[in-house]
């Protein structure tokens, strides 16, 4: 089974999923849902540390995917290759890696690091973002996999860096739930 077979299988699942997948993609565009969640978290003393981690992780993932990797790779999107009539607006950047997926996994992983109870549903939603990008023929499966791995790595690196080198971050209260 190649990447196109996976996309065709996803797209053939059910036309009833069209609006769900469009909705998931729209709320995750420009990391909007994650930045709103992060802002709300920073308003709470208990979740402020996680909120800052989400903001920094999303920003680093955005810079890395959209300004470094995508221009270097320049991979065509599935709808450009197949002629699939897309259900959302055409993208202005190349396909590899999936930025939506990278932002989502960066945010969800940052949440998970600080609060596992909230991190698990965040990671599930991040996975749905990746699936929506494939369903809508915006990304190849390897684009989504790379985006997820980049997002996870970026979040861990950002939290490690801030915990080690940013005293104001290190001193914030952490709301870590027991595993």
Protein backbone atom coordinates (compact mmCIF):
# COMPACT_ATOMS: atom_id res chain seq x y z
CA UNK A 1 0.00 0.00 0.00
CA UNK A 2 1.56 3.30 -1.04
CA UNK A 3 0.78 6.79 0.20
CA UNK A 4 -1.86 7.47 -2.42
CA UNK A 5 -3.67 4.24 -1.49
CA UNK A 6 -3.84 5.44 2.12
CA UNK A 7 -5.31 8.79 1.05
CA UNK A 8 -7.88 7.10 -1.19
CA UNK A 9 -8.84 4.73 1.63
CA UNK A 10 -9.31 7.65 4.05
CA UNK A 11 -11.27 9.71 1.56
CA UNK A 12 -13.51 6.74 0.79
CA UNK A 13 -14.42 6.23 4.45
CA UNK A 14 -17.62 8.31 4.35
CA UNK A 15 -18.75 11.56 2.73
CA UNK A 16 -20.35 12.35 6.09
CA UNK A 17 -16.82 12.96 7.40
CA UNK A 18 -16.20 15.84 4.98
CA UNK A 19 -17.56 18.55 7.28
CA UNK A 20 -15.91 17.05 10.37
CA UNK A 21 -12.50 16.97 8.69
CA UNK A 22 -12.96 20.48 7.27
CA UNK A 23 -13.88 21.72 10.76
CA UNK A 24 -10.84 20.09 12.37
CA UNK A 25 -8.56 21.62 9.74
CA UNK A 26 -10.14 25.08 10.07
CA UNK A 27 -9.82 25.27 13.87
CA UNK A 28 -6.20 24.18 13.66
CA UNK A 29 -5.24 26.63 10.90
CA UNK A 30 -2.54 29.05 12.09
CA UNK A 31 -2.57 26.98 15.31
CA UNK A 32 -5.63 29.03 16.31
CA UNK A 33 -7.22 26.52 18.68
CA UNK A 34 -3.88 25.85 20.37
CA UNK A 35 -3.05 29.52 20.84
CA UNK A 36 -6.51 30.20 22.30
CA UNK A 37 -6.03 27.30 24.72
CA UNK A 38 -2.53 28.55 25.56
CA UNK A 39 -3.83 32.08 26.21
CA UNK A 40 -6.51 30.71 28.53
CA UNK A 41 -3.90 28.59 30.31
CA UNK A 42 -1.67 31.61 30.89
CA UNK A 43 -4.61 33.31 32.63
CA UNK A 44 -4.57 30.57 35.28
CA UNK A 45 -1.76 30.44 37.82
CA UNK A 46 -2.08 26.65 37.93
CA UNK A 47 -1.68 26.19 34.14
CA UNK A 48 0.48 29.19 33.22
CA UNK A 49 3.66 27.16 32.79
CA UNK A 50 1.96 24.81 30.33
CA UNK A 51 0.46 27.78 28.48
CA UNK A 52 3.86 29.35 27.95
CA UNK A 53 5.27 26.00 26.84
CA UNK A 54 2.49 25.69 24.25
CA UNK A 55 3.11 29.19 22.87
CA UNK A 56 6.87 28.71 22.56
CA UNK A 57 6.56 25.18 21.14
CA UNK A 58 4.02 26.24 18.50
CA UNK A 59 6.17 29.22 17.49
CA UNK A 60 9.31 27.11 17.13
CA UNK A 61 7.43 24.39 15.20
CA UNK A 62 5.98 27.05 12.88
CA UNK A 63 9.38 28.60 12.16
CA UNK A 64 11.01 25.20 11.63
CA UNK A 65 8.32 23.80 9.32
CA UNK A 66 7.22 26.84 7.31
CA UNK A 67 10.47 28.79 7.04
CA UNK A 68 13.16 26.11 7.12
CA UNK A 69 12.01 22.65 6.03
CA UNK A 70 9.16 23.36 3.56
CA UNK A 71 11.21 25.73 1.37
CA UNK A 72 14.12 23.27 1.33
CA UNK A 73 12.01 20.23 0.40
CA UNK A 74 9.37 21.77 -1.87
CA UNK A 75 7.21 18.64 -2.10
CA UNK A 76 3.99 18.86 -4.10
CA UNK A 77 0.72 18.37 -2.26
CA UNK A 78 -1.45 15.34 -3.02
CA UNK A 79 -4.22 17.39 -4.62
CA UNK A 80 -1.67 18.94 -6.99
CA UNK A 81 -0.42 15.53 -8.08
CA UNK A 82 -3.77 13.74 -8.32
CA UNK A 83 -6.10 16.52 -9.45
CA UNK A 84 -8.34 15.83 -6.44
CA UNK A 85 -10.92 18.60 -6.06
CA UNK A 86 -10.08 19.95 -2.63
CA UNK A 87 -12.70 20.88 -0.04
CA UNK A 88 -10.67 23.67 1.59
CA UNK A 89 -8.60 26.57 0.28
CA UNK A 90 -5.44 25.71 -1.61
CA UNK A 91 -2.25 26.03 0.39
CA UNK A 92 0.48 28.54 -0.38
CA UNK A 93 3.32 26.40 0.99
CA UNK A 94 4.67 23.02 -0.01
CA UNK A 95 3.57 19.74 1.50
CA UNK A 96 6.46 18.38 3.58
CA UNK A 97 6.14 18.42 6.56
CA UNK A 98 2.56 19.07 7.68
CA UNK A 99 2.59 22.35 9.57
CA UNK A 100 -0.90 21.81 11.01
CA UNK A 101 0.27 18.48 12.41
CA UNK A 102 3.57 19.86 13.71
CA UNK A 103 1.85 22.77 15.51
CA UNK A 104 -0.77 20.43 16.93
CA UNK A 105 1.67 17.85 18.23
CA UNK A 106 3.95 20.57 19.61
CA UNK A 107 1.05 22.09 21.55
CA UNK A 108 -0.43 18.77 22.65
CA UNK A 109 2.95 17.43 23.78
CA UNK A 110 3.66 20.62 25.75
CA UNK A 111 0.30 20.18 27.47
CA UNK A 112 1.01 16.48 28.09
CA UNK A 113 4.40 17.22 29.66
CA UNK A 114 2.74 19.48 32.22
CA UNK A 115 -0.61 17.75 32.70
CA UNK A 116 -1.18 14.22 31.47
CA UNK A 117 -4.91 14.29 32.15
CA UNK A 118 -5.37 17.14 29.64
CA UNK A 119 -2.48 16.06 27.45
CA UNK A 120 -4.02 12.77 26.36
CA UNK A 121 -7.15 14.35 24.79
CA UNK A 122 -4.90 17.04 23.30
CA UNK A 123 -2.75 14.34 21.66
CA UNK A 124 -5.87 12.59 20.35
CA UNK A 125 -7.03 15.87 18.81
CA UNK A 126 -3.55 16.43 17.33
CA UNK A 127 -3.80 13.00 15.70
CA UNK A 128 -7.21 13.95 14.29
CA UNK A 129 -5.64 17.09 12.82
CA UNK A 130 -3.10 14.92 10.99
CA UNK A 131 -5.82 12.59 9.76
CA UNK A 132 -7.89 15.55 8.55
CA UNK A 133 -4.95 16.84 6.53
CA UNK A 134 -4.62 13.50 4.76
CA UNK A 135 -8.39 13.09 4.34
CA UNK A 136 -8.54 16.48 2.62
CA UNK A 137 -5.61 15.60 0.30
CA UNK A 138 -3.52 18.43 1.71
CA UNK A 139 -0.71 16.13 2.90
CA UNK A 140 0.84 12.76 2.22
CA UNK A 141 1.03 10.31 5.16
CA UNK A 142 4.80 10.87 5.46
CA UNK A 143 4.18 14.63 5.70
CA UNK A 144 1.88 14.03 8.65
CA UNK A 145 4.24 11.54 10.30
CA UNK A 146 7.14 13.98 9.96
CA UNK A 147 4.98 16.82 11.31
CA UNK A 148 4.01 14.75 14.35
CA UNK A 149 7.61 13.78 15.07
CA UNK A 150 8.82 17.36 14.64
CA UNK A 151 6.07 18.68 16.93
CA UNK A 152 6.83 16.15 19.66
CA UNK A 153 10.58 16.79 19.46
CA UNK A 154 10.14 20.57 19.43
CA UNK A 155 7.92 20.51 22.52
CA UNK A 156 10.33 18.35 24.51
CA UNK A 157 13.29 20.49 23.45
CA UNK A 158 11.50 23.76 24.22
CA UNK A 159 10.37 22.60 27.66
CA UNK A 160 13.85 21.26 28.41
CA UNK A 161 15.49 24.49 27.26
CA UNK A 162 13.10 26.75 29.18
CA UNK A 163 13.36 24.60 32.32
CA UNK A 164 17.13 24.75 32.18
CA UNK A 165 17.84 28.29 30.95
CA UNK A 166 14.79 30.46 31.72
CA UNK A 167 14.51 30.98 35.50
CA UNK A 168 11.12 32.71 35.26
CA UNK A 169 9.70 29.64 33.51
CA UNK A 170 11.41 27.19 35.84
CA UNK A 171 9.95 28.97 38.89
CA UNK A 172 6.34 28.80 37.71
CA UNK A 173 4.00 26.34 39.42
CA UNK A 174 3.53 23.09 37.51
CA UNK A 175 0.17 21.31 37.45
CA UNK A 176 1.55 17.85 36.68
CA UNK A 177 -1.05 15.19 37.36
CA UNK A 178 0.12 11.79 38.57
CA UNK A 179 0.46 9.22 35.78
